[in-house]
């Protein structure tokens, strides 16, 4: 667990932000035209640029867990609101008999959180997603998708499509 904590202490210093096709940094999703202009960074770019959004952070985390052969899952939580989705990605991992949620980009939930089971983590996130969505919602409407590594340099729509249609829906 020590190496996971050391890794987390390094990545928590990465600031929130996304780069568009022209390599211009945007520090909020609402800055610029995210759906049209976003392009996923590589692991090397995230480290060099010191900015990332949640699903880029998850790819950095995925590479760490794969390299260290630690059982893990990368998950998208999605809440449909009118014609758009409120989404957040995160990584959970298993260490001995416990499950953990590693969170580096949801500011008021940052940390390595211990749970008894994978289901307990998902229920916690389902019941606290209001802190992320910043509005009332029906927790039963949140859907979870486990997804594999997306294609390099994908845009936002490609990423969402990949998670919703190629990912594994978690019941």
N, C-alpha and C. Protein backbone atom coordinates (compact mmCIF):
# COMPACT_ATOMS: atom_id res chain seq x y z
N UNK A 1 0.83 -1.20 0.00
CA UNK A 1 0.00 0.00 0.00
C UNK A 1 0.87 1.27 0.00
N UNK A 2 2.08 1.14 0.50
CA UNK A 2 2.97 2.30 0.56
C UNK A 2 3.24 2.88 -0.84
N UNK A 3 3.49 1.99 -1.81
CA UNK A 3 3.77 2.50 -3.17
C UNK A 3 2.54 3.16 -3.80
N UNK A 4 1.34 2.70 -3.44
CA UNK A 4 0.11 3.34 -3.94
C UNK A 4 -0.03 4.73 -3.33
N UNK A 5 0.26 4.85 -2.04
CA UNK A 5 0.19 6.16 -1.39
C UNK A 5 1.23 7.13 -1.98
N UNK A 6 2.42 6.63 -2.25
CA UNK A 6 3.46 7.47 -2.86
C UNK A 6 3.02 7.93 -4.25
N UNK A 7 2.45 7.01 -5.03
CA UNK A 7 1.94 7.35 -6.35
C UNK A 7 0.83 8.41 -6.23
N UNK A 8 -0.11 8.19 -5.33
CA UNK A 8 -1.20 9.15 -5.14
C UNK A 8 -0.66 10.54 -4.77
N UNK A 9 0.33 10.60 -3.88
CA UNK A 9 0.89 11.89 -3.47
C UNK A 9 1.53 12.63 -4.64
N UNK A 10 2.01 11.90 -5.64
CA UNK A 10 2.57 12.54 -6.85
C UNK A 10 1.45 13.06 -7.75
N UNK A 11 0.44 12.22 -7.99
CA UNK A 11 -0.58 12.61 -8.98
C UNK A 11 -1.57 13.64 -8.44
N UNK A 12 -1.72 13.73 -7.13
CA UNK A 12 -2.68 14.71 -6.60
C UNK A 12 -2.23 16.15 -6.85
N UNK A 13 -0.98 16.32 -7.24
CA UNK A 13 -0.45 17.65 -7.57
C UNK A 13 -0.82 18.09 -8.98
N UNK A 14 -1.32 17.16 -9.79
CA UNK A 14 -1.72 17.49 -11.16
C UNK A 14 -2.98 18.35 -11.09
N UNK A 15 -2.99 19.44 -11.81
CA UNK A 15 -4.09 20.38 -11.78
C UNK A 15 -5.17 20.00 -12.79
N UNK A 16 -6.38 20.48 -12.53
CA UNK A 16 -7.50 20.19 -13.42
C UNK A 16 -7.40 21.06 -14.66
N UNK A 17 -7.60 20.47 -15.83
CA UNK A 17 -7.61 21.22 -17.06
C UNK A 17 -7.55 20.30 -18.27
N UNK A 18 -7.96 20.83 -19.41
CA UNK A 18 -7.94 20.05 -20.64
C UNK A 18 -7.33 20.88 -21.76
N UNK A 19 -6.77 20.16 -22.72
CA UNK A 19 -6.15 20.80 -23.87
C UNK A 19 -6.99 20.56 -25.11
N UNK A 20 -7.10 21.61 -25.93
CA UNK A 20 -7.83 21.45 -27.18
C UNK A 20 -6.88 21.02 -28.29
N UNK A 21 -7.43 20.87 -29.48
CA UNK A 21 -6.64 20.40 -30.64
C UNK A 21 -5.46 21.31 -30.94
N UNK A 22 -5.56 22.58 -30.54
CA UNK A 22 -4.50 23.55 -30.79
C UNK A 22 -3.53 23.67 -29.62
N UNK A 23 -3.62 22.73 -28.67
CA UNK A 23 -2.74 22.68 -27.49
C UNK A 23 -2.95 23.87 -26.55
N UNK A 24 -4.16 24.43 -26.55
CA UNK A 24 -4.50 25.53 -25.64
C UNK A 24 -5.13 24.93 -24.38
N UNK A 25 -4.63 25.34 -23.22
CA UNK A 25 -5.12 24.85 -21.95
C UNK A 25 -6.42 25.56 -21.56
N UNK A 26 -7.39 24.78 -21.08
CA UNK A 26 -8.65 25.29 -20.55
C UNK A 26 -8.77 24.72 -19.14
N UNK A 27 -8.95 25.58 -18.15
CA UNK A 27 -8.95 25.12 -16.76
C UNK A 27 -10.32 24.76 -16.23
N UNK A 28 -11.34 24.88 -17.05
CA UNK A 28 -12.70 24.44 -16.69
C UNK A 28 -13.32 23.80 -17.92
N UNK A 29 -14.20 22.83 -17.69
CA UNK A 29 -14.88 22.16 -18.82
C UNK A 29 -15.65 23.19 -19.64
N UNK A 30 -16.23 24.17 -18.99
CA UNK A 30 -17.06 25.16 -19.69
C UNK A 30 -16.25 26.16 -20.50
N UNK A 31 -14.93 26.19 -20.32
CA UNK A 31 -14.09 27.09 -21.12
C UNK A 31 -13.86 26.44 -22.48
N UNK A 32 -14.11 27.17 -23.53
CA UNK A 32 -13.92 26.62 -24.88
C UNK A 32 -15.06 25.70 -25.26
N UNK A 33 -14.88 24.98 -26.36
CA UNK A 33 -15.89 24.04 -26.83
C UNK A 33 -15.37 22.63 -26.58
N UNK A 34 -15.60 22.15 -25.36
CA UNK A 34 -15.04 20.88 -24.91
C UNK A 34 -15.41 19.72 -25.84
N UNK A 35 -16.70 19.56 -26.13
CA UNK A 35 -17.12 18.41 -26.95
C UNK A 35 -16.49 18.43 -28.34
N UNK A 36 -16.31 19.61 -28.88
CA UNK A 36 -15.79 19.72 -30.25
C UNK A 36 -14.26 19.70 -30.30
N UNK A 37 -13.61 20.36 -29.34
CA UNK A 37 -12.17 20.60 -29.45
C UNK A 37 -11.27 19.78 -28.54
N UNK A 38 -11.84 19.08 -27.56
CA UNK A 38 -11.02 18.29 -26.64
C UNK A 38 -10.31 17.16 -27.37
N UNK A 39 -9.10 16.86 -26.93
CA UNK A 39 -8.35 15.71 -27.44
C UNK A 39 -7.58 15.11 -26.27
N UNK A 40 -7.82 13.80 -26.01
CA UNK A 40 -7.20 13.14 -24.86
C UNK A 40 -5.68 13.17 -24.94
N UNK A 41 -5.07 13.50 -23.82
CA UNK A 41 -3.61 13.52 -23.73
C UNK A 41 -3.06 12.11 -23.49
N UNK A 42 -1.82 11.94 -23.87
CA UNK A 42 -1.11 10.70 -23.53
C UNK A 42 -0.63 10.82 -22.09
N UNK A 43 -0.18 9.72 -21.53
CA UNK A 43 0.38 9.71 -20.16
C UNK A 43 1.54 10.70 -20.08
N UNK A 44 2.41 10.67 -21.08
CA UNK A 44 3.57 11.56 -21.09
C UNK A 44 3.15 13.03 -21.11
N UNK A 45 2.12 13.35 -21.90
CA UNK A 45 1.63 14.73 -21.97
C UNK A 45 1.03 15.17 -20.63
N UNK A 46 0.31 14.29 -19.97
CA UNK A 46 -0.27 14.63 -18.67
C UNK A 46 0.84 15.01 -17.69
N UNK A 47 1.88 14.20 -17.66
CA UNK A 47 2.99 14.45 -16.73
C UNK A 47 3.71 15.75 -17.10
N UNK A 48 3.98 15.95 -18.38
CA UNK A 48 4.67 17.16 -18.84
C UNK A 48 3.82 18.41 -18.61
N UNK A 49 2.54 18.35 -18.97
CA UNK A 49 1.66 19.52 -18.89
C UNK A 49 1.15 19.79 -17.48
N UNK A 50 1.17 18.77 -16.62
CA UNK A 50 0.70 18.88 -15.24
C UNK A 50 -0.76 19.34 -15.14
N UNK A 51 -1.56 18.99 -16.14
CA UNK A 51 -3.01 19.25 -16.16
C UNK A 51 -3.70 18.03 -16.75
N UNK A 52 -4.88 17.72 -16.21
CA UNK A 52 -5.65 16.60 -16.75
C UNK A 52 -7.09 16.69 -16.25
N UNK A 53 -7.99 16.02 -16.99
CA UNK A 53 -9.35 15.85 -16.51
C UNK A 53 -9.47 14.44 -15.95
N UNK A 54 -10.62 14.12 -15.39
CA UNK A 54 -10.75 12.85 -14.65
C UNK A 54 -10.39 11.63 -15.47
N UNK A 55 -10.85 11.54 -16.72
CA UNK A 55 -10.55 10.29 -17.44
C UNK A 55 -9.11 10.20 -17.89
N UNK A 56 -8.44 11.33 -18.02
CA UNK A 56 -7.00 11.27 -18.28
C UNK A 56 -6.26 10.81 -17.02
N UNK A 57 -6.70 11.31 -15.86
CA UNK A 57 -6.11 10.86 -14.60
C UNK A 57 -6.29 9.35 -14.45
N UNK A 58 -7.46 8.86 -14.85
CA UNK A 58 -7.71 7.41 -14.75
C UNK A 58 -6.75 6.62 -15.62
N UNK A 59 -6.37 7.16 -16.76
CA UNK A 59 -5.41 6.44 -17.61
C UNK A 59 -4.02 6.43 -16.98
N UNK A 60 -3.67 7.50 -16.32
CA UNK A 60 -2.40 7.55 -15.57
C UNK A 60 -2.44 6.52 -14.44
N UNK A 61 -3.57 6.47 -13.74
CA UNK A 61 -3.74 5.50 -12.65
C UNK A 61 -3.77 4.07 -13.19
N UNK A 62 -4.48 3.86 -14.29
CA UNK A 62 -4.54 2.52 -14.90
C UNK A 62 -3.13 2.03 -15.22
N UNK A 63 -2.29 2.89 -15.79
CA UNK A 63 -0.93 2.46 -16.15
C UNK A 63 -0.14 2.07 -14.91
N UNK A 64 -0.33 2.80 -13.81
CA UNK A 64 0.35 2.45 -12.56
C UNK A 64 -0.11 1.08 -12.05
N UNK A 65 -1.42 0.86 -12.00
CA UNK A 65 -1.95 -0.39 -11.47
C UNK A 65 -1.57 -1.58 -12.36
N UNK A 66 -1.60 -1.39 -13.67
CA UNK A 66 -1.19 -2.47 -14.57
C UNK A 66 0.28 -2.80 -14.39
N UNK A 67 1.11 -1.78 -14.33
CA UNK A 67 2.55 -1.97 -14.17
C UNK A 67 2.86 -2.72 -12.87
N UNK A 68 2.10 -2.44 -11.83
CA UNK A 68 2.33 -3.05 -10.52
C UNK A 68 1.46 -4.29 -10.27
N UNK A 69 0.73 -4.71 -11.31
CA UNK A 69 -0.10 -5.92 -11.24
C UNK A 69 -1.07 -5.91 -10.05
N UNK A 70 -1.71 -4.77 -9.87
CA UNK A 70 -2.70 -4.61 -8.80
C UNK A 70 -4.09 -4.68 -9.42
N UNK A 71 -4.95 -5.59 -8.95
CA UNK A 71 -6.31 -5.69 -9.51
C UNK A 71 -7.05 -4.36 -9.37
N UNK A 72 -7.63 -3.92 -10.47
CA UNK A 72 -8.31 -2.61 -10.47
C UNK A 72 -9.39 -2.58 -11.55
N UNK A 73 -10.24 -1.56 -11.46
CA UNK A 73 -11.26 -1.31 -12.47
C UNK A 73 -11.34 0.20 -12.69
N UNK A 74 -11.54 0.58 -13.95
CA UNK A 74 -11.74 1.98 -14.30
C UNK A 74 -13.21 2.13 -14.64
N UNK A 75 -13.87 3.08 -13.99
CA UNK A 75 -15.32 3.18 -14.07
C UNK A 75 -15.77 4.60 -14.40
N UNK A 76 -16.81 4.67 -15.22
CA UNK A 76 -17.48 5.93 -15.54
C UNK A 76 -18.82 5.92 -14.81
N UNK A 77 -19.08 6.98 -14.04
CA UNK A 77 -20.40 7.20 -13.43
C UNK A 77 -21.10 8.24 -14.30
N UNK A 78 -22.33 7.97 -14.68
CA UNK A 78 -23.04 8.85 -15.61
C UNK A 78 -24.45 9.14 -15.11
N UNK A 79 -24.82 10.41 -15.17
CA UNK A 79 -26.16 10.85 -14.80
C UNK A 79 -26.70 11.69 -15.95
N UNK A 80 -27.77 11.23 -16.57
CA UNK A 80 -28.36 11.98 -17.68
C UNK A 80 -29.19 13.13 -17.13
N UNK A 81 -28.92 14.32 -17.64
CA UNK A 81 -29.67 15.52 -17.25
C UNK A 81 -30.13 16.21 -18.53
N UNK A 82 -31.42 16.22 -18.72
CA UNK A 82 -32.01 16.80 -19.94
C UNK A 82 -31.32 16.21 -21.16
N UNK A 83 -30.61 17.02 -21.94
CA UNK A 83 -29.98 16.53 -23.17
C UNK A 83 -28.49 16.26 -23.03
N UNK A 84 -27.98 16.34 -21.82
CA UNK A 84 -26.54 16.11 -21.64
C UNK A 84 -26.31 15.20 -20.45
N UNK A 85 -25.07 14.78 -20.30
CA UNK A 85 -24.69 13.87 -19.22
C UNK A 85 -23.72 14.56 -18.27
N UNK A 86 -23.86 14.26 -17.00
CA UNK A 86 -22.89 14.64 -15.98
C UNK A 86 -22.12 13.36 -15.70
N UNK A 87 -20.82 13.37 -15.97
CA UNK A 87 -20.03 12.14 -15.87
C UNK A 87 -18.78 12.36 -15.03
N UNK A 88 -18.34 11.29 -14.39
CA UNK A 88 -17.08 11.30 -13.67
C UNK A 88 -16.47 9.91 -13.78
N UNK A 89 -15.17 9.85 -13.98
CA UNK A 89 -14.47 8.57 -14.02
C UNK A 89 -13.58 8.43 -12.79
N UNK A 90 -13.36 7.19 -12.39
CA UNK A 90 -12.55 6.94 -11.21
C UNK A 90 -12.01 5.51 -11.27
N UNK A 91 -11.03 5.24 -10.42
CA UNK A 91 -10.42 3.93 -10.35
C UNK A 91 -10.67 3.33 -8.97
N UNK A 92 -11.02 2.05 -8.97
CA UNK A 92 -11.11 1.31 -7.72
C UNK A 92 -10.12 0.15 -7.82
N UNK A 93 -9.61 -0.27 -6.68
CA UNK A 93 -8.65 -1.37 -6.70
C UNK A 93 -8.81 -2.23 -5.46
N UNK A 94 -8.29 -3.43 -5.57
CA UNK A 94 -8.39 -4.38 -4.47
C UNK A 94 -7.00 -4.62 -3.89
N UNK A 95 -6.93 -4.57 -2.58
CA UNK A 95 -5.69 -4.84 -1.85
C UNK A 95 -6.05 -5.75 -0.69
N UNK A 96 -5.54 -6.96 -0.75
CA UNK A 96 -5.90 -8.00 0.23
C UNK A 96 -7.41 -8.21 0.18
N UNK A 97 -8.10 -8.08 1.29
CA UNK A 97 -9.55 -8.33 1.33
C UNK A 97 -10.39 -7.07 1.17
N UNK A 98 -9.77 -5.92 1.03
CA UNK A 98 -10.51 -4.66 0.96
C UNK A 98 -10.49 -4.07 -0.44
N UNK A 99 -11.45 -3.21 -0.69
CA UNK A 99 -11.52 -2.45 -1.93
C UNK A 99 -11.27 -0.98 -1.60
N UNK A 100 -10.65 -0.28 -2.55
CA UNK A 100 -10.31 1.13 -2.34
C UNK A 100 -10.74 1.95 -3.55
N UNK A 101 -11.11 3.17 -3.28
CA UNK A 101 -11.42 4.15 -4.31
C UNK A 101 -10.30 5.18 -4.28
N UNK A 102 -9.54 5.27 -5.36
CA UNK A 102 -8.49 6.27 -5.48
C UNK A 102 -9.07 7.45 -6.24
N UNK A 103 -9.10 8.61 -5.61
CA UNK A 103 -9.72 9.79 -6.22
C UNK A 103 -8.74 10.96 -6.21
N UNK A 104 -8.36 11.43 -7.39
CA UNK A 104 -7.41 12.53 -7.49
C UNK A 104 -7.98 13.76 -8.20
N UNK A 105 -9.19 13.67 -8.76
CA UNK A 105 -9.69 14.84 -9.51
C UNK A 105 -11.02 15.40 -9.00
N UNK A 106 -11.74 14.69 -8.17
CA UNK A 106 -12.98 15.20 -7.57
C UNK A 106 -12.56 15.88 -6.27
N UNK A 107 -12.40 17.17 -6.33
CA UNK A 107 -11.71 17.92 -5.28
C UNK A 107 -12.16 17.63 -3.85
N UNK A 108 -13.44 17.63 -3.56
CA UNK A 108 -13.83 17.42 -2.15
C UNK A 108 -13.94 15.95 -1.77
N UNK A 109 -13.51 15.05 -2.64
CA UNK A 109 -13.50 13.61 -2.33
C UNK A 109 -12.11 13.01 -2.52
N UNK A 110 -11.09 13.85 -2.71
CA UNK A 110 -9.73 13.35 -2.97
C UNK A 110 -9.25 12.43 -1.86
N UNK A 111 -8.48 11.42 -2.26
CA UNK A 111 -7.88 10.52 -1.30
C UNK A 111 -7.95 9.08 -1.73
N UNK A 112 -7.51 8.21 -0.85
CA UNK A 112 -7.61 6.77 -1.03
C UNK A 112 -8.58 6.29 0.04
N UNK A 113 -9.76 5.89 -0.40
CA UNK A 113 -10.85 5.57 0.53
C UNK A 113 -11.07 4.06 0.59
N UNK A 114 -11.09 3.51 1.80
CA UNK A 114 -11.22 2.06 2.01
C UNK A 114 -12.69 1.68 2.19
N UNK A 115 -13.08 0.56 1.54
CA UNK A 115 -14.43 0.03 1.62
C UNK A 115 -14.35 -1.49 1.77
N UNK A 116 -15.45 -2.07 2.21
CA UNK A 116 -15.51 -3.53 2.38
C UNK A 116 -15.68 -4.25 1.05
N UNK A 117 -16.31 -3.56 0.07
CA UNK A 117 -16.59 -4.23 -1.21
C UNK A 117 -16.66 -3.21 -2.34
N UNK A 118 -16.60 -3.74 -3.53
CA UNK A 118 -16.78 -2.92 -4.74
C UNK A 118 -18.17 -2.28 -4.74
N UNK A 119 -19.18 -3.06 -4.37
CA UNK A 119 -20.56 -2.56 -4.33
C UNK A 119 -20.69 -1.39 -3.36
N UNK A 120 -20.02 -1.47 -2.24
CA UNK A 120 -20.09 -0.40 -1.24
C UNK A 120 -19.52 0.91 -1.81
N UNK A 121 -18.46 0.81 -2.59
CA UNK A 121 -17.89 2.01 -3.23
C UNK A 121 -18.91 2.63 -4.18
N UNK A 122 -19.50 1.80 -5.04
CA UNK A 122 -20.45 2.33 -6.02
C UNK A 122 -21.66 2.95 -5.33
N UNK A 123 -22.13 2.35 -4.26
CA UNK A 123 -23.27 2.92 -3.53
C UNK A 123 -22.89 4.25 -2.88
N UNK A 124 -21.68 4.33 -2.36
CA UNK A 124 -21.21 5.59 -1.78
C UNK A 124 -21.20 6.69 -2.84
N UNK A 125 -20.63 6.38 -3.99
CA UNK A 125 -20.57 7.37 -5.07
C UNK A 125 -21.98 7.72 -5.54
N UNK A 126 -22.83 6.74 -5.69
CA UNK A 126 -24.22 6.98 -6.10
C UNK A 126 -24.90 7.96 -5.13
N UNK A 127 -24.67 7.77 -3.85
CA UNK A 127 -25.34 8.59 -2.84
C UNK A 127 -24.68 9.94 -2.58
N UNK A 128 -23.48 10.14 -3.11
CA UNK A 128 -22.78 11.41 -2.92
C UNK A 128 -22.50 12.15 -4.24
N UNK A 129 -23.05 11.66 -5.31
CA UNK A 129 -22.81 12.26 -6.63
C UNK A 129 -23.35 13.69 -6.69
N UNK A 130 -24.26 14.01 -5.80
CA UNK A 130 -24.81 15.37 -5.74
C UNK A 130 -23.69 16.38 -5.51
N UNK A 131 -22.68 16.00 -4.72
CA UNK A 131 -21.55 16.89 -4.49
C UNK A 131 -20.82 17.19 -5.80
N UNK A 132 -20.82 16.23 -6.71
CA UNK A 132 -20.17 16.40 -8.01
C UNK A 132 -21.09 17.11 -9.00
N UNK A 133 -22.35 16.65 -9.07
CA UNK A 133 -23.31 17.19 -10.03
C UNK A 133 -23.78 18.59 -9.64
N UNK A 134 -23.67 18.92 -8.35
CA UNK A 134 -24.07 20.23 -7.82
C UNK A 134 -25.55 20.54 -8.04
N UNK A 135 -26.38 19.51 -8.01
CA UNK A 135 -27.83 19.68 -8.07
C UNK A 135 -28.50 18.40 -7.60
N UNK A 136 -29.77 18.53 -7.26
CA UNK A 136 -30.53 17.36 -6.81
C UNK A 136 -30.68 16.36 -7.96
N UNK A 137 -30.76 15.10 -7.64
CA UNK A 137 -30.91 14.05 -8.65
C UNK A 137 -31.48 12.81 -7.97
N UNK A 138 -31.92 11.89 -8.79
CA UNK A 138 -32.39 10.60 -8.30
C UNK A 138 -31.20 9.64 -8.36
N UNK A 139 -30.68 9.20 -7.20
CA UNK A 139 -29.50 8.32 -7.21
C UNK A 139 -29.69 7.05 -8.03
N UNK A 140 -30.91 6.60 -8.19
CA UNK A 140 -31.17 5.38 -8.96
C UNK A 140 -30.89 5.58 -10.45
N UNK A 141 -30.80 6.83 -10.88
CA UNK A 141 -30.58 7.11 -12.31
C UNK A 141 -29.10 7.14 -12.70
N UNK A 142 -28.21 7.04 -11.73
CA UNK A 142 -26.78 6.99 -12.05
C UNK A 142 -26.45 5.61 -12.59
N UNK A 143 -25.73 5.60 -13.68
CA UNK A 143 -25.31 4.35 -14.30
C UNK A 143 -23.78 4.28 -14.24
N UNK A 144 -23.28 3.07 -14.04
CA UNK A 144 -21.84 2.83 -13.97
C UNK A 144 -21.41 1.93 -15.12
N UNK A 145 -20.27 2.27 -15.73
CA UNK A 145 -19.71 1.48 -16.83
C UNK A 145 -18.23 1.24 -16.56
N UNK A 146 -17.83 -0.01 -16.59
CA UNK A 146 -16.41 -0.33 -16.52
C UNK A 146 -15.88 -0.32 -17.95
N UNK A 147 -14.78 0.36 -18.17
CA UNK A 147 -14.26 0.44 -19.54
C UNK A 147 -12.76 0.18 -19.57
N UNK A 148 -12.32 -0.28 -20.74
CA UNK A 148 -10.90 -0.54 -20.98
C UNK A 148 -10.26 0.73 -21.54
N UNK A 149 -8.99 0.66 -21.80
CA UNK A 149 -8.24 1.82 -22.29
C UNK A 149 -8.83 2.33 -23.61
N UNK A 150 -9.21 3.62 -23.65
CA UNK A 150 -9.74 4.18 -24.90
C UNK A 150 -8.63 4.43 -25.93
N UNK A 151 -9.04 4.68 -27.17
CA UNK A 151 -8.03 4.92 -28.21
C UNK A 151 -7.32 6.25 -27.94
N UNK A 152 -6.05 6.33 -28.34
CA UNK A 152 -5.28 7.57 -28.13
C UNK A 152 -5.91 8.76 -28.87
N UNK A 153 -5.77 9.93 -28.25
CA UNK A 153 -6.19 11.21 -28.86
C UNK A 153 -7.69 11.29 -29.16
N UNK A 154 -8.51 10.47 -28.49
CA UNK A 154 -9.95 10.53 -28.75
C UNK A 154 -10.52 11.86 -28.27
N UNK A 155 -11.64 12.25 -28.88
CA UNK A 155 -12.32 13.46 -28.43
C UNK A 155 -13.40 13.08 -27.42
N UNK A 156 -14.12 14.05 -26.89
CA UNK A 156 -15.11 13.78 -25.84
C UNK A 156 -16.22 12.86 -26.33
N UNK A 157 -16.77 13.12 -27.50
CA UNK A 157 -17.86 12.28 -28.01
C UNK A 157 -17.40 10.84 -28.23
N UNK A 158 -16.20 10.68 -28.76
CA UNK A 158 -15.66 9.33 -28.96
C UNK A 158 -15.48 8.61 -27.61
N UNK A 159 -15.02 9.35 -26.62
CA UNK A 159 -14.84 8.76 -25.29
C UNK A 159 -16.18 8.31 -24.71
N UNK A 160 -17.18 9.19 -24.74
CA UNK A 160 -18.50 8.83 -24.21
C UNK A 160 -19.08 7.62 -24.95
N UNK A 161 -19.00 7.63 -26.27
CA UNK A 161 -19.51 6.53 -27.06
C UNK A 161 -18.82 5.23 -26.66
N UNK A 162 -17.51 5.29 -26.53
CA UNK A 162 -16.73 4.11 -26.17
C UNK A 162 -17.19 3.55 -24.81
N UNK A 163 -17.35 4.42 -23.83
CA UNK A 163 -17.75 3.95 -22.49
C UNK A 163 -19.17 3.39 -22.49
N UNK A 164 -20.10 4.12 -23.12
CA UNK A 164 -21.51 3.71 -23.09
C UNK A 164 -21.79 2.46 -23.91
N UNK A 165 -21.10 2.28 -25.03
CA UNK A 165 -21.42 1.19 -25.93
C UNK A 165 -20.39 0.06 -25.96
N UNK A 166 -19.16 0.35 -25.58
CA UNK A 166 -18.14 -0.70 -25.55
C UNK A 166 -17.80 -1.11 -24.12
N UNK A 167 -18.17 -0.26 -23.16
CA UNK A 167 -17.91 -0.58 -21.76
C UNK A 167 -18.91 -1.61 -21.24
N UNK A 168 -18.62 -2.12 -20.08
CA UNK A 168 -19.48 -3.11 -19.44
C UNK A 168 -20.33 -2.40 -18.40
N UNK A 169 -21.64 -2.41 -18.59
CA UNK A 169 -22.55 -1.77 -17.64
C UNK A 169 -22.53 -2.55 -16.33
N UNK A 170 -22.37 -1.84 -15.23
CA UNK A 170 -22.33 -2.48 -13.91
C UNK A 170 -23.72 -2.32 -13.30
N UNK A 171 -24.31 -3.42 -12.90
CA UNK A 171 -25.67 -3.36 -12.32
C UNK A 171 -25.62 -3.14 -10.85
